[in-house]
Amino acid sequence: MSVCICADSTCDLTPELTAQYGVVITPLYISMGDDSRRDGEDCRAEDIFDYYRRTKKLCTTAAVTIGDYIDVFSRELKTHDEIVHFTISSDMSACYQNAVDAAREFDGRVYVVDSRNLSTGIGQLVLDAAIMAREGRSGGEIFADMEQRKEKLNVSFVIDTLEYLHKGGRCSGVAALGANLLRLKPVIEVNGGVMGVGKKYRGTLDKCVTAYVAERIGDGTGADRRRIFITDSGVSEELVAAVRDILERAGFREILHTRTGGTVSSHCGPGTLGILYYDE
């Protein structure tokens, strides 16, 4: 049984990880005015931040189209028996519904997982699915396992600026915070497939991020310490190293560092860092 693992670009996995695990990526679309680009192919986080600095306008994002999905699924089913595809939460994008519509063309050979999450929260599921595929598990078995695992994801970020989330209207509670005036750095958490505001920290980004990681992880009790992602939209190497040190002391065995792709970056803005892992 040969199963292809496929995911939208919102999984924020590095090219090295997608190559290592044999993951196929379907890019979302990012528009800078009249210029439409493909996430991860000809548009990255730096392009989005530069566009906002120049124009004070947000980039807009669009889901992978049904036609795009059909093209990718058709291609991969020439060399695989089945596909398991992962999308960003259906509450955040039309990707899931488009993928489901496309999957209907392939007589049950394509399974679509609504991750109910974003970024490397999706990435956690994708890597586990790829491992299962290599072990010879069927698409149906992988799909059923992922439906359970996604409920254990613990996904959160500290953001440095509220401008992007506020203007994009993607996160409940942001408009009322007034956090920029108070120098607050809120934690954005994913629960029930949507983003919401959690605890708020005050001070510099480095101080807030290290406090957030230390408090969220503690001694690691309650977390699945097999693997954790540090995912950021552009912070200092020193801050990433400080976060990694906290996680190593808490006993995490595999610590992966990635950058947010264009789609996620267009909503969180620069200076964002999150830790993404499973609860036990």
C-alpha atoms as a PDB file:
ATOM      1  CA  MET A   1       0.000   0.000   0.000  1.00  0.00           C
ATOM      2  CA  SER A   2       1.535   3.304  -1.125  1.00  0.00           C
ATOM      3  CA  VAL A   3       0.049   6.408   0.526  1.00  0.00           C
ATOM      4  CA  CYS A   4       0.998   9.970  -0.438  1.00  0.00           C
ATOM      5  CA  ILE A   5       0.972  12.537   2.371  1.00  0.00           C
ATOM      6  CA  CYS A   6      -0.024  15.949   1.112  1.00  0.00           C
ATOM      7  CA  ALA A   7      -0.600  19.262   2.911  1.00  0.00           C
ATOM      8  CA  ASP A   8      -1.397  22.890   2.248  1.00  0.00           C
ATOM      9  CA  SER A   9       1.432  25.416   2.507  1.00  0.00           C
ATOM     10  CA  THR A  10      -0.052  26.580   5.816  1.00  0.00           C
ATOM     11  CA  CYS A  11       1.689  23.629   7.537  1.00  0.00           C
ATOM     12  CA  ASP A  12       4.880  25.759   7.554  1.00  0.00           C
ATOM     13  CA  LEU A  13       7.255  22.822   7.172  1.00  0.00           C
ATOM     14  CA  THR A  14      10.702  23.587   5.798  1.00  0.00           C
ATOM     15  CA  PRO A  15      11.739  22.307   2.358  1.00  0.00           C
ATOM     16  CA  GLU A  16      14.224  20.063   4.165  1.00  0.00           C
ATOM     17  CA  LEU A  17      11.457  18.443   6.237  1.00  0.00           C
ATOM     18  CA  THR A  18       9.088  17.987   3.293  1.00  0.00           C
ATOM     19  CA  ALA A  19      11.916  16.344   1.333  1.00  0.00           C
ATOM     20  CA  GLN A  20      12.934  14.145   4.271  1.00  0.00           C
ATOM     21  CA  TYR A  21       9.388  12.914   4.873  1.00  0.00           C
ATOM     22  CA  GLY A  22       8.231  12.890   1.248  1.00  0.00           C
ATOM     23  CA  VAL A  23       5.409  15.406   1.776  1.00  0.00           C
ATOM     24  CA  VAL A  24       3.699  17.097  -1.181  1.00  0.00           C
ATOM     25  CA  ILE A  25       2.740  20.763  -0.632  1.00  0.00           C
ATOM     26  CA  THR A  26      -0.213  22.556  -2.234  1.00  0.00           C
ATOM     27  CA  PRO A  27       0.327  26.338  -2.063  1.00  0.00           C
ATOM     28  CA  LEU A  28      -2.329  28.892  -1.161  1.00  0.00           C
ATOM     29  CA  TYR A  29      -2.497  32.192  -3.033  1.00  0.00           C
ATOM     30  CA  ILE A  30      -1.299  35.544  -1.723  1.00  0.00           C
ATOM     31  CA  SER A  31      -2.262  38.781  -3.438  1.00  0.00           C
ATOM     32  CA  MET A  32      -0.318  42.025  -3.204  1.00  0.00           C
ATOM     33  CA  GLY A  33      -2.777  44.326  -4.885  1.00  0.00           C
ATOM     34  CA  ASP A  34      -3.143  42.942  -8.406  1.00  0.00           C
ATOM     35  CA  ASP A  35      -0.093  40.695  -8.063  1.00  0.00           C
ATOM     36  CA  SER A  36      -1.129  37.121  -7.175  1.00  0.00           C
ATOM     37  CA  ARG A  37       1.566  34.719  -5.975  1.00  0.00           C
ATOM     38  CA  ARG A  38       1.858  31.170  -4.645  1.00  0.00           C
ATOM     39  CA  ASP A  39       2.765  30.782  -0.990  1.00  0.00           C
ATOM     40  CA  GLY A  40       6.249  29.339  -0.568  1.00  0.00           C
ATOM     41  CA  GLU A  41       6.994  29.330  -4.271  1.00  0.00           C
ATOM     42  CA  ASP A  42       7.230  32.982  -5.241  1.00  0.00           C
ATOM     43  CA  CYS A  43       6.053  34.636  -2.018  1.00  0.00           C
ATOM     44  CA  ARG A  44       7.565  34.478   1.453  1.00  0.00           C
ATOM     45  CA  ALA A  45       7.151  36.273   4.752  1.00  0.00           C
ATOM     46  CA  GLU A  46       9.696  38.982   3.937  1.00  0.00           C
ATOM     47  CA  ASP A  47       7.789  39.905   0.760  1.00  0.00           C
ATOM     48  CA  ILE A  48       4.579  40.343   2.765  1.00  0.00           C
ATOM     49  CA  PHE A  49       6.150  42.479   5.472  1.00  0.00           C
ATOM     50  CA  ASP A  50       7.872  44.633   2.867  1.00  0.00           C
ATOM     51  CA  TYR A  51       4.577  45.144   1.011  1.00  0.00           C
ATOM     52  CA  TYR A  52       2.857  46.256   4.225  1.00  0.00           C
ATOM     53  CA  ARG A  53       5.697  48.648   5.117  1.00  0.00           C
ATOM     54  CA  ARG A  54       5.494  50.234   1.671  1.00  0.00           C
ATOM     55  CA  THR A  55       1.709  50.435   1.275  1.00  0.00           C
ATOM     56  CA  LYS A  56       0.207  50.041   4.780  1.00  0.00           C
ATOM     57  CA  LYS A  57      -2.109  47.517   3.139  1.00  0.00           C
ATOM     58  CA  LEU A  58      -2.396  43.874   4.091  1.00  0.00           C
ATOM     59  CA  CYS A  59      -1.862  41.140   1.561  1.00  0.00           C
ATOM     60  CA  THR A  60      -4.943  39.027   0.992  1.00  0.00           C
ATOM     61  CA  THR A  61      -4.917  35.242   0.911  1.00  0.00           C
ATOM     62  CA  ALA A  62      -6.991  32.766  -1.061  1.00  0.00           C
ATOM     63  CA  ALA A  63      -7.553  29.053  -0.716  1.00  0.00           C
ATOM     64  CA  VAL A  64      -6.109  26.370  -2.928  1.00  0.00           C
ATOM     65  CA  THR A  65      -8.639  25.956  -5.730  1.00  0.00           C
ATOM     66  CA  ILE A  66     -10.599  22.798  -6.507  1.00  0.00           C
ATOM     67  CA  GLY A  67      -8.799  22.659  -9.847  1.00  0.00           C
ATOM     68  CA  ASP A  68      -5.391  22.867  -8.163  1.00  0.00           C
ATOM     69  CA  TYR A  69      -6.320  20.009  -5.843  1.00  0.00           C
ATOM     70  CA  ILE A  70      -7.581  17.875  -8.715  1.00  0.00           C
ATOM     71  CA  ASP A  71      -4.321  18.439 -10.606  1.00  0.00           C
ATOM     72  CA  VAL A  72      -2.168  17.442  -7.612  1.00  0.00           C
ATOM     73  CA  PHE A  73      -4.325  14.473  -6.612  1.00  0.00           C
ATOM     74  CA  SER A  74      -4.392  13.192 -10.202  1.00  0.00           C
ATOM     75  CA  ARG A  75      -0.621  13.420 -10.481  1.00  0.00           C
ATOM     76  CA  GLU A  76       0.114  11.696  -7.169  1.00  0.00           C
ATOM     77  CA  LEU A  77      -2.394   8.883  -7.713  1.00  0.00           C
ATOM     78  CA  LYS A  78      -0.404   7.796 -10.750  1.00  0.00           C
ATOM     79  CA  THR A  79       2.293   6.543  -8.381  1.00  0.00           C
ATOM     80  CA  HIS A  80       0.358   6.056  -5.120  1.00  0.00           C
ATOM     81  CA  ASP A  81      -2.683   4.007  -4.148  1.00  0.00           C
ATOM     82  CA  GLU A  82      -4.141   6.651  -1.815  1.00  0.00           C
ATOM     83  CA  ILE A  83      -3.635  10.202  -0.564  1.00  0.00           C
ATOM     84  CA  VAL A  84      -4.081  11.701   2.883  1.00  0.00           C
ATOM     85  CA  HIS A  85      -4.288  15.475   2.580  1.00  0.00           C
ATOM     86  CA  PHE A  86      -4.133  18.035   5.423  1.00  0.00           C
ATOM     87  CA  THR A  87      -5.689  21.496   5.383  1.00  0.00           C
ATOM     88  CA  ILE A  88      -5.730  24.513   7.671  1.00  0.00           C
ATOM     89  CA  SER A  89      -8.796  24.694   9.942  1.00  0.00           C
ATOM     90  CA  SER A  90     -12.041  24.871   7.980  1.00  0.00           C
ATOM     91  CA  ASP A  91     -13.011  27.867  10.151  1.00  0.00           C
ATOM     92  CA  MET A  92     -10.040  29.811   8.767  1.00  0.00           C
ATOM     93  CA  SER A  93     -10.159  29.003   5.059  1.00  0.00           C
ATOM     94  CA  ALA A  94     -12.113  27.358   2.238  1.00  0.00           C
ATOM     95  CA  CYS A  95      -9.213  24.956   1.633  1.00  0.00           C
ATOM     96  CA  TYR A  96     -10.881  22.068   3.430  1.00  0.00           C
ATOM     97  CA  GLN A  97     -14.149  22.296   1.498  1.00  0.00           C
ATOM     98  CA  ASN A  98     -12.299  22.714  -1.804  1.00  0.00           C
ATOM     99  CA  ALA A  99     -10.165  19.654  -1.054  1.00  0.00           C
ATOM    100  CA  VAL A 100     -13.247  17.612  -0.119  1.00  0.00           C
ATOM    101  CA  ASP A 101     -14.950  18.640  -3.366  1.00  0.00           C
ATOM    102  CA  ALA A 102     -11.857  17.651  -5.347  1.00  0.00           C
ATOM    103  CA  ALA A 103     -11.520  14.337  -3.485  1.00  0.00           C
ATOM    104  CA  ARG A 104     -14.979  13.282  -4.692  1.00  0.00           C
ATOM    105  CA  GLU A 105     -13.479  12.821  -8.160  1.00  0.00           C
ATOM    106  CA  PHE A 106     -11.256   9.946  -7.010  1.00  0.00           C
ATOM    107  CA  ASP A 107     -13.574   7.205  -5.758  1.00  0.00           C
ATOM    108  CA  GLY A 108     -12.544   7.202  -2.100  1.00  0.00           C
ATOM    109  CA  ARG A 109      -8.806   7.194  -2.718  1.00  0.00           C
ATOM    110  CA  VAL A 110      -8.272  10.651  -1.179  1.00  0.00           C
ATOM    111  CA  TYR A 111      -8.793  11.322   2.533  1.00  0.00           C
ATOM    112  CA  VAL A 112      -8.970  14.962   3.651  1.00  0.00           C
ATOM    113  CA  VAL A 113      -8.081  15.899   7.230  1.00  0.00           C
ATOM    114  CA  ASP A 114      -9.468  19.155   8.604  1.00  0.00           C
ATOM    115  CA  SER A 115      -6.609  19.849  11.024  1.00  0.00           C
ATOM    116  CA  ARG A 116      -8.679  22.373  13.014  1.00  0.00           C
ATOM    117  CA  ASN A 117      -5.348  24.139  13.354  1.00  0.00           C
ATOM    118  CA  LEU A 118      -2.645  26.101  11.581  1.00  0.00           C
ATOM    119  CA  SER A 119       1.118  26.316  10.988  1.00  0.00           C
ATOM    120  CA  THR A 120       3.263  23.536  12.428  1.00  0.00           C
ATOM    121  CA  GLY A 121       0.318  22.353  14.486  1.00  0.00           C
ATOM    122  CA  ILE A 122      -0.655  20.922  11.094  1.00  0.00           C
ATOM    123  CA  GLY A 123       2.999  20.014  10.625  1.00  0.00           C
ATOM    124  CA  GLN A 124       2.913  17.751  13.676  1.00  0.00           C
ATOM    125  CA  LEU A 125       0.096  15.742  12.112  1.00  0.00           C
ATOM    126  CA  VAL A 126       1.764  15.666   8.712  1.00  0.00           C
ATOM    127  CA  LEU A 127       5.052  14.238  10.008  1.00  0.00           C
ATOM    128  CA  ASP A 128       3.258  11.564  12.018  1.00  0.00           C
ATOM    129  CA  ALA A 129       1.155  10.640   8.991  1.00  0.00           C
ATOM    130  CA  ALA A 130       4.293  10.371   6.849  1.00  0.00           C
ATOM    131  CA  ILE A 131       5.858   8.001   9.373  1.00  0.00           C
ATOM    132  CA  MET A 132       2.711   5.856   9.348  1.00  0.00           C
ATOM    133  CA  ALA A 133       2.689   5.831   5.543  1.00  0.00           C
ATOM    134  CA  ARG A 134       6.256   4.527   5.512  1.00  0.00           C
ATOM    135  CA  GLU A 135       5.210   1.795   7.921  1.00  0.00           C
ATOM    136  CA  GLY A 136       2.665   0.608   5.349  1.00  0.00           C
ATOM    137  CA  ARG A 137      -0.508   1.848   7.003  1.00  0.00           C
ATOM    138  CA  SER A 138      -3.508   2.463   4.735  1.00  0.00           C
ATOM    139  CA  GLY A 139      -5.004   5.868   4.017  1.00  0.00           C
ATOM    140  CA  GLY A 140      -8.076   5.020   6.072  1.00  0.00           C
ATOM    141  CA  GLU A 141      -5.975   3.969   9.056  1.00  0.00           C
ATOM    142  CA  ILE A 142      -3.874   7.129   8.898  1.00  0.00           C
ATOM    143  CA  PHE A 143      -6.965   9.318   8.551  1.00  0.00           C
ATOM    144  CA  ALA A 144      -8.636   7.734  11.585  1.00  0.00           C
ATOM    145  CA  ASP A 145      -5.494   8.146  13.680  1.00  0.00           C
ATOM    146  CA  MET A 146      -5.096  11.806  12.673  1.00  0.00           C
ATOM    147  CA  GLU A 147      -8.695  12.576  13.605  1.00  0.00           C
ATOM    148  CA  GLN A 148      -7.796  11.562  17.158  1.00  0.00           C
ATOM    149  CA  ARG A 149      -4.341  13.135  17.313  1.00  0.00           C
ATOM    150  CA  LYS A 150      -5.502  16.565  16.184  1.00  0.00           C
ATOM    151  CA  GLU A 151      -7.531  16.900  19.379  1.00  0.00           C
ATOM    152  CA  LYS A 152      -4.289  16.776  21.402  1.00  0.00           C
ATOM    153  CA  LEU A 153      -2.511  19.638  19.629  1.00  0.00           C
ATOM    154  CA  ASN A 154      -1.371  22.528  21.794  1.00  0.00           C
ATOM    155  CA  VAL A 155      -0.758  25.535  19.549  1.00  0.00           C
ATOM    156  CA  SER A 156      -0.033  29.112  20.592  1.00  0.00           C
ATOM    157  CA  PHE A 157       2.040  32.138  19.593  1.00  0.00           C
ATOM    158  CA  VAL A 158       3.184  35.384  21.156  1.00  0.00           C
ATOM    159  CA  ILE A 159       2.774  38.262  18.725  1.00  0.00           C
ATOM    160  CA  ASP A 160       4.728  41.513  18.729  1.00  0.00           C
ATOM    161  CA  THR A 161       2.239  43.645  16.808  1.00  0.00           C
ATOM    162  CA  LEU A 162      -1.546  43.516  16.608  1.00  0.00           C
ATOM    163  CA  GLU A 163      -1.732  45.438  13.338  1.00  0.00           C
ATOM    164  CA  TYR A 164      -1.958  42.411  11.074  1.00  0.00           C
ATOM    165  CA  LEU A 165      -4.492  40.431  13.118  1.00  0.00           C
ATOM    166  CA  HIS A 166      -6.587  43.511  13.826  1.00  0.00           C
ATOM    167  CA  LYS A 167      -6.782  44.662  10.211  1.00  0.00           C
ATOM    168  CA  GLY A 168      -7.329  41.110   8.990  1.00  0.00           C
ATOM    169  CA  GLY A 169     -10.136  40.457  11.484  1.00  0.00           C
ATOM    170  CA  ARG A 170      -8.958  36.864  11.978  1.00  0.00           C
ATOM    171  CA  CYS A 171      -8.781  36.715  15.772  1.00  0.00           C
ATOM    172  CA  SER A 172     -11.592  37.296  18.248  1.00  0.00           C
ATOM    173  CA  GLY A 173     -10.860  39.761  21.032  1.00  0.00           C
ATOM    174  CA  VAL A 174      -7.972  41.539  19.312  1.00  0.00           C
ATOM    175  CA  ALA A 175      -9.819  44.776  18.559  1.00  0.00           C
ATOM    176  CA  ALA A 176     -10.674  45.361  22.198  1.00  0.00           C
ATOM    177  CA  LEU A 177      -7.184  44.789  23.570  1.00  0.00           C
ATOM    178  CA  GLY A 178      -5.547  48.130  22.892  1.00  0.00           C
ATOM    179  CA  ALA A 179      -2.392  46.119  23.482  1.00  0.00           C
ATOM    180  CA  ASN A 180      -0.085  48.177  21.309  1.00  0.00           C
ATOM    181  CA  LEU A 181      -0.629  51.241  23.480  1.00  0.00           C
ATOM    182  CA  LEU A 182       0.000  49.250  26.657  1.00  0.00           C
ATOM    183  CA  ARG A 183       3.087  47.448  25.292  1.00  0.00           C
ATOM    184  CA  LEU A 184       1.316  44.140  25.781  1.00  0.00           C
ATOM    185  CA  LYS A 185       2.307  41.002  23.916  1.00  0.00           C
ATOM    186  CA  PRO A 186      -0.738  38.706  23.798  1.00  0.00           C
ATOM    187  CA  VAL A 187      -0.681  34.957  23.402  1.00  0.00           C
ATOM    188  CA  ILE A 188      -2.799  33.809  20.469  1.00  0.00           C
ATOM    189  CA  GLU A 189      -4.168  30.305  21.044  1.00  0.00           C
ATOM    190  CA  VAL A 190      -5.943  27.913  18.693  1.00  0.00           C
ATOM    191  CA  ASN A 191      -8.921  26.228  20.309  1.00  0.00           C
ATOM    192  CA  GLY A 192     -11.866  24.601  18.568  1.00  0.00           C
ATOM    193  CA  GLY A 193     -10.444  25.450  15.167  1.00  0.00           C
ATOM    194  CA  VAL A 194     -10.296  29.223  15.740  1.00  0.00           C
ATOM    195  CA  MET A 195      -7.805  31.748  17.126  1.00  0.00           C
ATOM    196  CA  GLY A 196      -8.431  33.598  20.364  1.00  0.00           C
ATOM    197  CA  VAL A 197      -6.524  35.759  22.814  1.00  0.00           C
ATOM    198  CA  GLY A 198      -4.949  34.086  25.841  1.00  0.00           C
ATOM    199  CA  LYS A 199      -2.626  35.484  28.482  1.00  0.00           C
ATOM    200  CA  LYS A 200      -1.040  38.891  27.898  1.00  0.00           C
ATOM    201  CA  TYR A 201       2.582  39.723  28.748  1.00  0.00           C
ATOM    202  CA  ARG A 202       4.143  43.143  29.187  1.00  0.00           C
ATOM    203  CA  GLY A 203       7.649  44.182  28.166  1.00  0.00           C
ATOM    204  CA  THR A 204      10.111  43.519  25.387  1.00  0.00           C
ATOM    205  CA  LEU A 205       9.454  40.732  22.919  1.00  0.00           C
ATOM    206  CA  ASP A 206      12.374  38.646  24.207  1.00  0.00           C
ATOM    207  CA  LYS A 207      11.235  38.957  27.819  1.00  0.00           C
ATOM    208  CA  CYS A 208       7.623  38.126  26.952  1.00  0.00           C
ATOM    209  CA  VAL A 209       8.471  35.135  24.748  1.00  0.00           C
ATOM    210  CA  THR A 210      10.790  33.481  27.253  1.00  0.00           C
ATOM    211  CA  ALA A 211       8.236  33.994  30.045  1.00  0.00           C
ATOM    212  CA  TYR A 212       5.486  32.544  27.830  1.00  0.00           C
ATOM    213  CA  VAL A 213       7.508  29.437  26.934  1.00  0.00           C
ATOM    214  CA  ALA A 214       8.664  28.819  30.493  1.00  0.00           C
ATOM    215  CA  GLU A 215       5.129  29.148  31.886  1.00  0.00           C
ATOM    216  CA  ARG A 216       3.438  27.149  29.147  1.00  0.00           C
ATOM    217  CA  ILE A 217       5.882  24.248  29.326  1.00  0.00           C
ATOM    218  CA  GLY A 218       6.888  24.275  32.978  1.00  0.00           C
ATOM    219  CA  ASP A 219       8.813  21.067  33.665  1.00  0.00           C
ATOM    220  CA  GLY A 220       7.243  19.374  30.658  1.00  0.00           C
ATOM    221  CA  THR A 221       4.656  17.461  32.650  1.00  0.00           C
ATOM    222  CA  GLY A 222       1.525  16.925  30.586  1.00  0.00           C
ATOM    223  CA  ALA A 223       3.265  17.462  27.260  1.00  0.00           C
ATOM    224  CA  ASP A 224       4.213  14.802  24.734  1.00  0.00           C
ATOM    225  CA  ARG A 225       7.954  15.438  24.762  1.00  0.00           C
ATOM    226  CA  ARG A 226       8.641  13.391  21.658  1.00  0.00           C
ATOM    227  CA  ARG A 227       8.658  16.439  19.340  1.00  0.00           C
ATOM    228  CA  ILE A 228       8.041  20.190  19.505  1.00  0.00           C
ATOM    229  CA  PHE A 229       8.201  22.990  16.954  1.00  0.00           C
ATOM    230  CA  ILE A 230       9.544  26.479  17.493  1.00  0.00           C
ATOM    231  CA  THR A 231       7.975  28.488  14.686  1.00  0.00           C
ATOM    232  CA  ASP A 232       8.558  32.203  14.179  1.00  0.00           C
ATOM    233  CA  SER A 233       7.963  34.934  11.628  1.00  0.00           C
ATOM    234  CA  GLY A 234      11.352  36.564  12.110  1.00  0.00           C
ATOM    235  CA  VAL A 235      13.031  36.948  15.499  1.00  0.00           C
ATOM    236  CA  SER A 236      16.670  36.996  16.639  1.00  0.00           C
ATOM    237  CA  GLU A 237      18.795  33.867  16.676  1.00  0.00           C
ATOM    238  CA  GLU A 238      19.469  34.604  20.341  1.00  0.00           C
ATOM    239  CA  LEU A 239      15.773  34.422  21.196  1.00  0.00           C
ATOM    240  CA  VAL A 240      15.343  31.121  19.352  1.00  0.00           C
ATOM    241  CA  ALA A 241      18.372  29.751  21.217  1.00  0.00           C
ATOM    242  CA  ALA A 242      16.902  30.862  24.553  1.00  0.00           C
ATOM    243  CA  VAL A 243      13.606  29.125  23.756  1.00  0.00           C
ATOM    244  CA  ARG A 244      15.433  25.987  22.655  1.00  0.00           C
ATOM    245  CA  ASP A 245      17.340  25.940  25.957  1.00  0.00           C
ATOM    246  CA  ILE A 246      14.068  26.055  27.940  1.00  0.00           C
ATOM    247  CA  LEU A 247      12.635  23.193  25.895  1.00  0.00           C
ATOM    248  CA  GLU A 248      15.771  21.069  26.211  1.00  0.00           C
ATOM    249  CA  ARG A 249      15.722  21.483  29.981  1.00  0.00           C
ATOM    250  CA  ALA A 250      12.057  20.411  29.971  1.00  0.00           C
ATOM    251  CA  GLY A 251      13.044  17.159  28.274  1.00  0.00           C
ATOM    252  CA  PHE A 252      11.822  17.546  24.675  1.00  0.00           C
ATOM    253  CA  ARG A 253      13.690  15.058  22.511  1.00  0.00           C
ATOM    254  CA  GLU A 254      13.221  16.558  19.036  1.00  0.00           C
ATOM    255  CA  ILE A 255      13.098  20.352  18.750  1.00  0.00           C
ATOM    256  CA  LEU A 256      12.424  21.612  15.226  1.00  0.00           C
ATOM    257  CA  HIS A 257      12.729  25.258  14.220  1.00  0.00           C
ATOM    258  CA  THR A 258      10.763  26.607  11.241  1.00  0.00           C
ATOM    259  CA  ARG A 259       9.666  29.958   9.842  1.00  0.00           C
ATOM    260  CA  THR A 260       6.065  30.854   9.149  1.00  0.00           C
ATOM    261  CA  GLY A 261       5.140  30.768   5.494  1.00  0.00           C
ATOM    262  CA  GLY A 262       3.483  33.569   3.585  1.00  0.00           C
ATOM    263  CA  THR A 263      -0.114  32.768   4.507  1.00  0.00           C
ATOM    264  CA  VAL A 264       0.420  32.542   8.264  1.00  0.00           C
ATOM    265  CA  SER A 265       2.824  35.507   8.228  1.00  0.00           C
ATOM    266  CA  SER A 266       0.250  37.684   6.472  1.00  0.00           C
ATOM    267  CA  HIS A 267      -2.010  37.331   9.511  1.00  0.00           C
ATOM    268  CA  CYS A 268       0.432  37.282  12.439  1.00  0.00           C
ATOM    269  CA  GLY A 269       2.944  39.883  11.256  1.00  0.00           C
ATOM    270  CA  PRO A 270       6.670  40.054  12.088  1.00  0.00           C
ATOM    271  CA  GLY A 271       8.091  39.308  15.520  1.00  0.00           C
ATOM    272  CA  THR A 272       5.860  36.313  16.238  1.00  0.00           C
ATOM    273  CA  LEU A 273       7.069  33.131  17.934  1.00  0.00           C
ATOM    274  CA  GLY A 274       5.125  30.044  18.983  1.00  0.00           C
ATOM    275  CA  ILE A 275       5.648  26.590  20.396  1.00  0.00           C
ATOM    276  CA  LEU A 276       3.533  23.803  18.919  1.00  0.00           C
ATOM    277  CA  TYR A 277       3.307  20.332  20.406  1.00  0.00           C
ATOM    278  CA  TYR A 278       0.955  17.567  21.536  1.00  0.00           C
ATOM    279  CA  ASP A 279      -0.487  17.262  24.996  1.00  0.00           C
ATOM    280  CA  GLU A 280      -0.159  13.775  26.428  1.00  0.00           C
END
